[in-house]
Protein backbone atom coordinates (compact mmCIF):
# COMPACT_ATOMS: atom_id res chain seq x y z
CA UNK A 1 -0.28 235.39 144.01
CA UNK A 2 -2.28 233.39 146.53
CA UNK A 3 -4.63 234.45 149.31
CA UNK A 4 -5.04 232.02 152.17
CA UNK A 5 -6.92 231.86 155.46
CA UNK A 6 -5.80 230.25 158.72
CA UNK A 7 -8.03 229.62 161.71
CA UNK A 8 -6.60 229.04 165.21
CA UNK A 9 -8.55 228.20 168.36
CA UNK A 10 -6.95 228.92 171.74
CA UNK A 11 -8.99 228.62 174.92
CA UNK A 12 -12.00 230.89 174.41
CA UNK A 13 -10.42 232.85 171.58
CA UNK A 14 -10.63 232.46 167.80
CA UNK A 15 -7.86 233.93 165.66
CA UNK A 16 -8.36 234.39 161.93
CA UNK A 17 -5.33 235.19 159.77
CA UNK A 18 -5.77 236.26 156.16
CA UNK A 19 -2.48 236.22 154.31
CA UNK A 20 -1.22 236.83 150.82
CA UNK A 21 1.65 234.98 149.16
CA UNK A 22 3.33 236.60 146.17
CA UNK A 23 5.87 235.09 143.79
CA UNK A 24 8.36 237.38 142.05
CA UNK A 25 7.82 237.62 138.30
CA UNK A 26 11.54 236.90 137.86
CA UNK A 27 10.98 233.28 138.93
CA UNK A 28 8.76 232.71 135.89
CA UNK A 29 11.13 234.53 133.52
CA UNK A 30 14.44 233.06 134.73
CA UNK A 31 13.34 229.72 136.18
CA UNK A 32 14.31 228.24 139.55
CA UNK A 33 17.21 226.09 140.76
CA UNK A 34 16.71 222.65 142.28
CA UNK A 35 18.97 220.42 144.32
CA UNK A 36 18.66 216.71 144.99
CA UNK A 37 17.97 216.08 148.66
CA UNK A 38 19.94 213.55 150.69
CA UNK A 39 16.61 212.75 152.39
CA UNK A 40 14.75 209.94 150.62
CA UNK A 41 11.02 209.99 149.95
CA UNK A 42 9.43 207.65 152.49
CA UNK A 43 7.91 204.43 151.18
CA UNK A 44 4.15 204.72 150.76
CA UNK A 45 3.67 201.74 153.11
CA UNK A 46 5.59 203.60 155.81
CA UNK A 47 4.07 207.07 155.44
CA UNK A 48 1.03 207.93 153.34
CA UNK A 49 2.06 210.67 150.86
CA UNK A 50 -1.56 211.83 150.54
CA UNK A 51 -1.57 213.07 154.16
CA UNK A 52 0.12 216.45 154.02
CA UNK A 53 0.79 216.73 157.75
CA UNK A 54 3.04 213.66 157.77
CA UNK A 55 4.33 214.04 154.22
CA UNK A 56 5.94 217.33 155.25
CA UNK A 57 8.30 215.59 157.67
CA UNK A 58 10.75 214.88 154.85
CA UNK A 59 10.28 218.41 153.51
CA UNK A 60 11.34 219.86 156.87
CA UNK A 61 14.41 217.59 157.01
CA UNK A 62 15.38 218.59 153.46
CA UNK A 63 15.04 222.27 154.39
CA UNK A 64 17.65 221.80 157.13
CA UNK A 65 20.31 220.72 154.63
CA UNK A 66 23.11 223.26 154.09
CA UNK A 67 22.73 224.80 150.66
CA UNK A 68 23.31 227.89 148.60
CA UNK A 69 20.72 230.65 148.90
CA UNK A 70 19.73 230.35 145.25
CA UNK A 71 18.25 226.84 145.74
CA UNK A 72 14.48 227.16 145.44
CA UNK A 73 13.39 223.54 145.95
CA UNK A 74 14.74 220.09 146.81
CA UNK A 75 14.08 216.99 144.71
CA UNK A 76 13.29 213.75 146.50
CA UNK A 77 14.42 210.35 145.23
CA UNK A 78 12.83 207.06 146.29
CA UNK A 79 14.74 204.07 147.66
CA UNK A 80 15.47 202.92 144.07
CA UNK A 81 16.95 206.26 143.04
CA UNK A 82 13.99 207.44 140.95
CA UNK A 83 12.73 211.02 141.13
CA UNK A 84 9.43 211.42 142.98
CA UNK A 85 8.55 215.07 143.72
CA UNK A 86 9.81 218.22 145.41
CA UNK A 87 8.99 219.35 148.95
CA UNK A 88 5.67 221.01 148.15
CA UNK A 89 5.04 220.30 144.50
CA UNK A 90 5.20 217.96 141.54
CA UNK A 91 7.81 217.77 138.80
CA UNK A 92 7.44 217.56 135.00
CA UNK A 93 9.95 217.46 132.15
CA UNK A 94 9.62 217.84 128.39
CA UNK A 95 11.56 215.46 126.19
CA UNK A 96 11.11 215.06 122.43
CA UNK A 97 7.80 216.98 122.58
CA UNK A 98 6.41 214.61 125.24
CA UNK A 99 5.44 215.57 128.77
CA UNK A 100 6.93 213.18 131.32
CA UNK A 101 6.23 213.03 135.04
CA UNK A 102 6.77 210.44 137.80
CA UNK A 103 3.83 208.06 138.35
CA UNK A 104 1.19 209.33 140.76
CA UNK A 105 1.94 206.51 143.22
CA UNK A 106 3.92 207.12 146.38
CA UNK A 107 3.67 210.90 145.92
CA UNK A 108 1.12 213.58 146.67
CA UNK A 109 -0.87 213.48 143.43
CA UNK A 110 -1.69 217.18 143.46
CA UNK A 111 -4.81 218.79 142.02
CA UNK A 112 -2.64 221.13 139.96
CA UNK A 113 -0.62 218.16 138.66
CA UNK A 114 -3.78 216.51 137.37
CA UNK A 115 -5.06 219.81 135.95
CA UNK A 116 -1.81 220.35 134.02
CA UNK A 117 -2.03 216.83 132.60
CA UNK A 118 -5.54 217.62 131.34
CA UNK A 119 -4.30 220.89 129.81
CA UNK A 120 -1.51 219.03 128.00
CA UNK A 121 -3.92 216.47 126.58
CA UNK A 122 -6.20 219.27 125.38
CA UNK A 123 -3.17 220.70 123.54
CA UNK A 124 -2.50 217.22 122.11
CA UNK A 125 0.81 216.99 123.94
CA UNK A 126 1.54 213.31 124.75
CA UNK A 127 1.70 212.70 128.50
CA UNK A 128 3.50 209.77 130.08
CA UNK A 129 3.71 208.90 133.77
CA UNK A 130 7.02 207.04 133.92
CA UNK A 131 9.90 206.55 136.39
CA UNK A 132 12.45 209.33 135.92
CA UNK A 133 16.08 209.59 136.94
CA UNK A 134 18.23 212.66 137.53
CA UNK A 135 19.86 211.88 134.19
CA UNK A 136 16.46 212.29 132.49
CA UNK A 137 16.08 215.73 134.05
CA UNK A 138 19.62 216.78 133.12
CA UNK A 139 18.90 215.94 129.49
CA UNK A 140 15.37 217.35 129.33
CA UNK A 141 14.43 220.11 126.91
CA UNK A 142 12.30 221.79 129.57
CA UNK A 143 11.35 221.21 133.19
CA UNK A 144 8.81 222.77 135.53
CA UNK A 145 7.15 222.45 138.93
CA UNK A 146 3.47 222.58 139.79
CA UNK A 147 1.37 223.29 142.86
CA UNK A 148 -1.64 225.45 143.62
CA UNK A 149 0.46 228.47 144.56
CA UNK A 150 3.07 228.36 141.76
CA UNK A 151 0.74 226.95 139.08
CA UNK A 152 3.44 226.22 136.43
CA UNK A 153 6.94 227.31 137.46
CA UNK A 154 9.88 226.83 135.04
CA UNK A 155 13.06 225.11 136.26
CA UNK A 156 16.45 226.46 135.21
CA UNK A 157 18.84 223.90 136.70
CA UNK A 158 19.23 220.81 138.87
CA UNK A 159 22.34 220.28 140.99
CA UNK A 160 24.15 223.04 139.10
CA UNK A 161 23.39 221.63 135.64
CA UNK A 162 21.46 223.80 133.19
CA UNK A 163 18.22 222.37 131.78
CA UNK A 164 17.13 223.38 128.29
CA UNK A 165 18.18 226.35 126.19
CA UNK A 166 15.28 228.72 126.73
CA UNK A 167 13.48 229.73 129.94
CA UNK A 168 10.55 229.41 129.82
CA UNK A 169 10.46 226.92 126.96
CA UNK A 170 7.76 226.79 124.27
CA UNK A 171 5.84 223.91 125.85
CA UNK A 172 5.80 225.60 129.27
CA UNK A 173 4.49 228.80 127.68
CA UNK A 174 1.67 226.92 125.94
CA UNK A 175 0.74 225.12 129.15
CA UNK A 176 0.79 228.36 131.18
CA UNK A 177 -1.58 230.07 128.74
CA UNK A 178 -3.96 227.09 128.62
CA UNK A 179 -3.81 226.66 132.40
CA UNK A 180 -4.87 230.28 133.05
CA UNK A 181 -7.60 230.10 130.43
CA UNK A 182 -9.08 226.86 131.75
CA UNK A 183 -8.77 227.99 135.38
CA UNK A 184 -10.70 231.18 134.55
CA UNK A 185 -13.39 229.15 132.79
CA UNK A 186 -13.71 226.83 135.81
CA UNK A 187 -14.13 229.83 138.14
CA UNK A 188 -16.93 231.22 135.95
CA UNK A 189 -18.74 227.88 135.98
CA UNK A 190 -18.89 227.66 139.77
CA UNK A 191 -22.26 228.90 141.13
CA UNK A 192 -22.03 231.62 143.74
CA UNK A 193 -23.22 230.55 147.15
CA UNK A 194 -25.40 232.84 149.17
CA UNK A 195 -24.14 233.50 152.68
CA UNK A 196 -26.50 232.40 155.45
CA UNK A 197 -26.52 234.09 158.82
CA UNK A 198 -28.53 233.01 161.84
CA UNK A 199 -29.91 235.55 164.27
CA UNK A 200 -28.26 235.59 167.73
């Protein structure tokens, strides 16, 4: 569940929209399905992946691809055929008790991605940022996506091929528990700011 605020200015008017985004619990119990996009991830010299407004151009193009309704996200490959990320999140796999993820270069190195890496290291799970292929994902023991809204979302299959035997897997469950615990601790640490209002 995520609460977000959007501010729009139009002529002399100010519009404030407060929305709430909910994710069905079934996604976390059953995992989600991915498909490899025909759209390639732009080279970092051509389009800066850190700038969300331009990085979403490929995401929009991928969304226009004909696909089955059950596809939750599209995986982008780079010009060399290596996995980079999904439209609005980062990708991790578990292989031989190690956490593997594409290098944080040429992708949007998300805050949640970095937080999950820290959680894994706290759990003494080895983390490696290495180039990954679709074959690596097909043969992974577990796979999951991360972003601020999903947090840690298990993946069930890629391009119709099942990943792992159990959804969610044991490593994903450990990371989910540690993530929520550390996130709660971080929220408690933040000092509350007093609102300041000026008289008209």
